[in-house]
Protein backbone atom coordinates (compact mmCIF):
# COMPACT_ATOMS: atom_id res chain seq x y z
CA MET A 1 -3.58 26.77 6.68
CA SER A 2 -0.65 24.52 7.44
CA SER A 3 0.78 21.53 6.55
CA VAL A 4 1.29 18.32 9.02
CA ALA A 5 4.55 19.12 9.05
CA THR A 6 4.46 23.03 10.35
CA VAL A 7 1.07 22.67 12.23
CA HIS A 8 2.42 22.31 15.58
CA SER A 9 5.00 24.86 15.27
CA GLN A 10 2.59 27.52 14.57
CA GLY A 11 0.21 26.81 17.46
CA ILE A 12 -2.77 27.73 15.57
CA LEU A 13 -5.10 24.91 15.66
CA ASP A 14 -7.88 23.97 18.03
CA ALA A 15 -7.25 20.60 20.26
CA THR A 16 -9.30 18.74 17.53
CA ASN A 17 -7.25 19.88 14.82
CA ASP A 18 -4.23 18.91 16.93
CA SER A 19 -5.63 15.78 16.78
CA ALA A 20 -6.15 15.41 13.22
CA THR A 21 -2.24 15.76 12.40
CA ASP A 22 -1.42 13.70 15.87
CA PHE A 23 -3.51 10.65 14.08
CA LEU A 24 -2.17 11.25 10.73
CA THR A 25 1.56 11.85 11.84
CA GLU A 26 1.14 8.99 14.04
CA VAL A 27 0.54 6.44 11.14
CA LEU A 28 2.71 7.67 9.12
CA THR A 29 5.45 6.65 11.30
CA GLY A 30 3.69 4.01 12.32
CA PRO A 31 6.37 1.51 10.62
CA LEU A 32 9.16 2.42 13.19
CA ASP A 33 7.47 0.08 15.32
CA LEU A 34 7.45 -2.84 12.86
CA PRO A 35 9.38 -5.74 13.98
CA HIS A 36 13.18 -5.45 13.29
CA GLU A 37 12.58 -8.41 10.07
CA TYR A 38 8.55 -9.12 8.77
CA ALA A 39 7.14 -10.55 5.64
CA VAL A 40 3.87 -9.45 4.20
CA VAL A 41 1.73 -11.19 1.99
CA LEU A 42 -1.26 -9.48 0.16
CA ARG A 43 -3.72 -11.04 -1.98
CA PHE A 44 -5.61 -9.08 -4.23
CA GLU A 45 -8.57 -8.80 -7.07
CA VAL A 46 -9.19 -5.56 -9.29
CA ALA A 47 -12.38 -5.32 -11.16
CA VAL A 48 -12.64 -3.11 -14.04
CA LEU A 49 -15.60 -1.39 -15.66
CA ASP A 50 -15.05 0.80 -18.53
CA ASP A 51 -17.92 2.24 -21.34
CA ARG A 52 -15.18 1.32 -23.92
CA LYS A 53 -13.52 -2.23 -22.91
CA GLY A 54 -16.32 -3.55 -20.81
CA ALA A 55 -15.57 -5.11 -17.74
CA SER A 56 -12.53 -7.23 -17.02
CA THR A 57 -10.64 -8.58 -13.58
CA SER A 58 -7.34 -9.27 -12.74
CA ASP A 59 -5.63 -11.54 -10.20
CA GLY A 60 -3.38 -10.29 -7.64
CA ILE A 61 -0.09 -10.58 -5.26
CA TYR A 62 2.10 -9.10 -3.18
CA LEU A 63 5.16 -10.28 -1.54
CA TYR A 64 7.44 -8.09 0.93
CA SER A 65 9.96 -8.97 3.26
CA GLU A 66 12.25 -6.82 4.56
CA ARG A 67 15.46 -6.93 7.39
CA ALA A 68 16.27 -2.79 7.90
CA ARG A 69 19.88 -3.55 9.56
CA ASP A 70 21.20 -4.19 6.85
CA ASN A 71 19.00 -3.13 3.89
CA ASN A 72 17.45 -5.97 2.74
CA ARG A 73 14.45 -5.94 1.03
CA LEU A 74 11.98 -8.18 -1.36
CA VAL A 75 9.05 -6.97 -3.07
CA VAL A 76 7.29 -9.23 -5.55
CA HIS A 77 4.64 -7.87 -7.74
CA SER A 78 2.55 -10.35 -9.45
CA LEU A 79 -0.98 -9.27 -11.51
CA ALA A 80 -2.97 -11.88 -14.03
CA ASN A 81 -6.01 -11.53 -16.08
CA LEU A 82 -8.69 -13.66 -15.04
CA ARG A 83 -10.38 -15.77 -17.75
CA GLU A 84 -13.46 -17.78 -17.39
CA GLY A 85 -12.52 -18.21 -13.53
CA TYR A 86 -8.64 -19.26 -14.39
CA ALA A 87 -5.58 -16.79 -14.00
CA ASP A 88 -4.25 -16.40 -17.51
CA ARG A 89 -0.13 -15.84 -17.79
CA ARG A 90 0.53 -14.78 -14.23
CA LEU A 91 3.87 -12.91 -14.43
CA TRP A 92 5.82 -12.08 -11.64
CA GLN A 93 8.17 -8.98 -11.18
CA GLN A 94 10.91 -9.41 -8.54
CA THR A 95 13.65 -6.74 -7.19
CA LEU A 96 15.38 -7.68 -4.37
CA THR A 97 18.28 -5.40 -2.46
CA ARG A 98 21.21 -7.31 -0.02
CA GLY A 99 23.32 -4.52 0.93
CA ILE A 100 24.08 -2.07 -1.40
CA ASN A 101 23.31 -4.10 -4.46
CA ARG A 102 19.75 -4.62 -6.34
CA SER A 103 18.61 -7.24 -8.18
CA ARG A 104 15.79 -7.98 -10.68
CA ARG A 105 14.45 -11.26 -12.21
CA SER A 106 12.53 -11.11 -15.53
CA ALA A 107 8.83 -11.93 -15.09
CA ASN A 108 8.34 -15.66 -15.76
CA LEU A 109 5.32 -17.60 -15.81
CA ALA A 110 6.90 -20.16 -12.97
CA PRO A 111 10.45 -21.44 -11.91
CA PRO A 112 13.32 -21.50 -12.78
CA PHE A 113 14.21 -17.73 -13.09
CA THR A 114 17.34 -17.78 -14.43
CA SER A 115 17.43 -14.56 -15.73
CA VAL A 116 18.86 -11.96 -13.54
CA VAL A 117 20.34 -8.24 -13.34
CA THR A 118 22.23 -7.07 -10.46
CA GLU A 119 23.89 -3.66 -9.81
CA ARG A 120 24.62 -1.33 -7.17
CA LEU A 121 22.52 0.96 -5.57
CA ASP A 122 24.09 4.14 -6.68
CA THR A 123 24.03 3.44 -10.22
CA ASP A 124 23.44 6.22 -12.45
CA PRO A 125 19.64 5.51 -13.52
CA LYS A 126 20.92 7.09 -17.32
CA GLU A 127 23.04 3.72 -17.29
CA SER A 128 21.04 1.87 -15.35
CA ARG A 129 19.20 -1.51 -16.96
CA ILE A 130 16.64 -2.03 -14.48
CA HIS A 131 15.77 1.66 -12.54
CA ASN A 132 12.67 2.05 -14.35
CA MET A 133 11.53 -1.56 -13.66
CA LEU A 134 12.09 -2.01 -9.82
CA ALA A 135 9.15 -2.30 -8.05
CA GLU A 136 8.91 -0.24 -5.28
CA PHE A 137 6.41 -0.58 -2.89
CA HIS A 138 5.88 -0.62 1.12
CA PRO A 139 2.40 -2.84 2.37
CA TYR A 140 1.85 -0.58 5.23
CA PHE A 141 1.31 2.29 2.67
CA PHE A 142 -0.48 1.03 0.23
CA SER A 143 -3.46 1.42 2.28
CA ILE A 144 -3.97 4.60 2.46
CA ALA A 145 -1.75 6.12 -0.87
CA GLN A 146 -3.73 8.20 -3.41
CA MET A 147 -3.50 7.42 -7.05
CA VAL A 148 -2.41 11.16 -7.73
CA ASP A 149 0.34 10.89 -5.46
CA ALA A 150 3.80 12.10 -6.57
CA HIS A 151 4.45 8.04 -5.37
CA ALA A 152 1.51 6.60 -7.26
CA GLY A 153 2.12 3.49 -8.29
CA ARG A 154 5.77 3.39 -6.33
CA VAL A 155 4.65 3.48 -2.80
CA ASP A 156 7.93 2.92 -0.91
CA GLY A 157 9.51 4.29 2.34
CA ASN A 158 9.54 7.57 1.61
CA TYR A 159 5.85 7.83 0.92
CA SER A 160 5.54 9.29 4.40
CA SER A 161 7.65 12.15 3.69
CA TYR A 162 5.76 13.45 0.67
CA VAL A 163 2.26 13.12 3.08
CA LEU A 164 4.22 15.47 5.78
CA GLN A 165 4.68 17.92 2.72
CA HIS A 166 1.96 18.00 1.06
CA TYR A 167 -1.16 17.07 3.17
CA GLU A 168 -2.68 20.71 4.74
CA LEU A 169 -5.28 20.59 7.43
CA LEU A 170 -8.34 22.48 6.33
CA ASP A 171 -10.53 21.46 9.13
CA SER A 172 -11.81 18.23 11.20
CA LYS A 173 -14.73 17.58 13.89
CA ARG A 174 -16.13 14.63 15.87
CA THR A 175 -18.84 12.54 14.09
CA GLU A 176 -22.04 10.91 15.82
CA ASN A 177 -20.62 7.72 15.70
CA GLY A 178 -17.31 8.73 17.27
CA THR A 179 -14.64 8.81 15.20
CA LEU A 180 -12.79 11.97 13.86
CA GLY A 181 -13.42 13.22 10.57
CA SER A 182 -11.06 15.66 8.59
CA THR A 183 -10.39 17.79 5.84
CA TRP A 184 -6.72 17.88 3.48
CA ARG A 185 -5.83 20.26 0.71
CA LEU A 186 -3.61 17.65 -1.66
CA ASN A 187 -2.71 20.03 -4.58
CA LYS A 188 -6.17 21.68 -5.86
CA LEU A 189 -7.70 18.63 -4.98
CA GLN A 190 -9.08 17.39 -0.98
CA LEU A 191 -9.47 14.20 1.00
CA LYS A 192 -11.89 13.33 3.98
CA ILE A 193 -10.05 11.19 6.14
CA GLU A 194 -12.24 9.26 9.32
CA PHE A 195 -10.04 8.69 12.31
CA ASP A 196 -11.23 5.40 14.14
CA PRO A 197 -10.54 5.12 18.30
CA LYS A 198 -11.41 1.61 17.95
CA GLN A 199 -8.56 0.70 15.44
CA GLY A 200 -5.79 2.86 16.73
CA ASN A 201 -7.41 6.27 15.50
CA ARG A 202 -6.19 4.91 12.19
CA PRO A 203 -8.20 5.93 8.94
CA VAL A 204 -10.28 4.10 7.99
CA ARG A 205 -11.82 5.94 5.26
CA ILE A 206 -10.31 8.26 2.67
CA VAL A 207 -12.54 10.11 0.52
CA ARG A 208 -10.72 12.29 -2.44
CA LEU A 209 -12.83 14.62 -4.22
CA GLY A 210 -11.90 16.67 -7.49
CA LEU A 211 -12.11 19.98 -8.46
CA PRO A 212 -14.83 21.91 -8.20
CA THR A 213 -17.49 21.14 -10.95
CA ASP A 214 -18.59 25.36 -11.56
CA GLY A 215 -15.10 25.88 -11.19
CA ASP A 216 -15.65 27.90 -7.55
CA ASP A 217 -13.17 26.37 -5.07
CA SER A 218 -16.06 26.55 -2.50
CA GLY A 219 -18.80 24.30 -4.74
CA GLU A 220 -19.54 20.84 -4.56
CA ARG A 221 -16.43 18.20 -5.91
CA PRO A 222 -16.93 15.51 -7.46
CA ILE A 223 -15.51 12.11 -5.72
CA GLN A 224 -12.53 10.57 -7.34
CA ALA A 225 -12.07 7.53 -5.27
CA ILE A 226 -12.97 6.19 -1.51
CA HIS A 227 -10.82 3.89 0.49
CA TYR A 228 -12.11 1.83 3.04
CA ILE A 229 -9.62 0.44 5.40
CA ASN A 230 -9.75 -2.31 8.37
CA TRP A 231 -6.69 -2.44 11.15
CA LYS A 232 -5.72 -4.78 13.19
CA LYS A 233 -3.20 -4.70 16.40
CA TRP A 234 -0.53 -6.95 15.58
CA GLN A 235 1.12 -7.85 18.83
CA TRP A 236 4.54 -9.06 17.47
CA SER A 237 6.25 -9.64 20.97
CA ASN A 238 5.49 -9.78 24.48
CA ASP A 239 6.03 -5.98 24.68
CA GLN A 240 5.30 -4.61 21.00
CA SER A 241 2.64 -3.82 19.17
CA ILE A 242 1.56 -2.41 16.32
CA TRP A 243 -1.76 -1.46 13.82
CA VAL A 244 -1.18 -2.48 10.73
CA PRO A 245 -4.07 -2.84 7.86
CA ALA A 246 -5.50 -6.01 7.82
CA PHE A 247 -7.76 -5.20 4.79
CA LEU A 248 -8.43 -2.82 1.51
CA ARG A 249 -11.30 -2.00 -0.44
CA ARG A 250 -10.69 0.68 -3.07
CA HIS A 251 -13.33 2.39 -5.77
CA ASP A 252 -11.63 4.49 -8.02
CA ILE A 253 -14.09 6.45 -10.46
CA ASP A 254 -12.51 8.19 -13.55
CA ARG A 255 -14.49 10.77 -15.52
CA ASN A 256 -12.50 11.18 -18.25
CA SER A 257 -12.15 7.82 -19.28
CA LYS A 258 -15.33 6.52 -18.04
CA SER A 259 -14.37 3.93 -16.19
CA GLU A 260 -14.05 2.73 -12.50
CA LYS A 261 -11.90 -0.05 -10.79
CA GLU A 262 -12.56 -1.54 -7.68
CA LEU A 263 -9.87 -3.23 -5.73
CA GLU A 264 -10.48 -5.59 -2.50
CA CYS A 265 -7.69 -6.79 -0.60
CA TYR A 266 -6.53 -8.31 2.53
CA PHE A 267 -2.87 -8.16 4.38
CA LYS A 268 -1.07 -11.44 5.80
CA TRP A 269 1.69 -10.43 8.27
CA LYS A 270 4.54 -12.80 10.34
CA ASP A 271 7.43 -11.46 12.34
CA THR A 272 10.23 -13.52 10.43
CA THR A 273 13.36 -12.30 13.24
CA LYS A 274 13.74 -16.18 14.04
CA THR A 275 12.60 -17.28 10.57
CA SER A 276 14.02 -15.25 7.67
CA ALA A 277 12.30 -14.76 4.24
CA ILE A 278 15.18 -13.04 2.44
CA PRO A 279 16.76 -14.73 0.08
CA LYS A 280 19.68 -15.22 -1.51
CA VAL A 281 20.66 -13.70 -5.33
CA GLU A 282 21.48 -16.81 -6.29
CA ASP A 283 18.13 -18.95 -4.85
CA VAL A 284 16.26 -20.25 -7.59
CA ASP A 285 12.63 -19.08 -5.99
CA TRP A 286 13.18 -15.79 -4.29
CA ARG A 287 9.40 -16.47 -3.30
CA GLU A 288 10.00 -20.25 -1.70
CA PRO A 289 10.99 -18.55 1.83
CA ILE A 290 7.31 -16.30 2.05
CA ARG A 291 5.53 -19.52 0.56
CA GLU A 292 6.42 -21.62 2.92
CA LEU A 293 6.03 -19.21 5.98
CA PHE A 294 2.87 -18.61 5.34
CA GLU A 295 1.57 -22.08 2.99
CA GLU A 296 0.46 -20.42 0.40
CA ASP A 297 0.01 -21.80 -3.13
CA TRP A 298 0.36 -19.30 -5.71
CA ALA A 299 -1.78 -21.50 -8.43
CA VAL A 300 -5.10 -20.44 -6.22
CA ASP A 301 -6.42 -17.76 -7.14
CA TYR A 302 -7.71 -14.76 -5.21
CA GLN A 303 -11.34 -16.42 -4.88
CA GLY A 304 -10.27 -19.90 -4.14
CA TRP A 305 -7.04 -18.28 -1.53
CA LEU A 306 -10.34 -16.93 0.52
CA ARG A 307 -12.36 -19.81 0.46
CA SER A 308 -9.23 -21.59 2.16
CA GLN A 309 -8.75 -18.99 4.56
CA PRO A 310 -9.56 -19.85 8.63
CA PRO A 311 -12.68 -17.82 10.28
CA GLU A 312 -10.95 -14.45 11.83
CA ASN A 313 -10.98 -15.16 16.16
């Protein structure tokens, strides 16, 4: 079998398999069709059930804004434990890249955020004061990334290169509901990816399978994770559009620690070509341009945010 990167040159797969590799390649190159400048808000909730520690729930927010032409990018991550229905001790991890420099703000509860560390992008990691604390993230790839991938926890714009190198197509076939099912090898694991023609041939279901329980490669493999993704066609200009993730539900099962985790996430996208959401390093609150643009209230938790959203057309 062949990796995504080499399958076309070898020409050994049938038309259905070619479609699977084409579809995955289209997904991975999708960000090329994004606006030159855009912003995204992700609201999510994570529920964890641990046999030893019991149940817990966290409320999360991701903010992302990018202007690729001059390497300007804002990545903000916030996670708060939910206690009795309230977000407790919400912290904000913030990374701002502008040109050849990157800056990080310490995780304070609320502005004014006064502690800023700035350094050049080419700073040696051994000498960097912030290298290991940078929030590497890309909202588009967040919907499909696997926890076992090399970029787990740091799913940035280079994620597509990792998939092209490491995902190996085993087989594919049409399903009864018209989607295209496919099986891929990822190191010693396997992935089942289902592409839906009604959603731009994007992956709407991804199942990660672990090692065979009996040691035989052809044996039964336990489910480690399931992704359900809804995509929407974002018409961001009169003649340009892109399929972007709108909703994600991911269920992870860790049999070693006897725990399960379920993440539910909504994505909101906006073209910021005319109204930039990239702050300046000296700004008091880097989050404010995005908050104004999306009319957000950071004090509202995920469930309250859901109740406030207008119904989809």
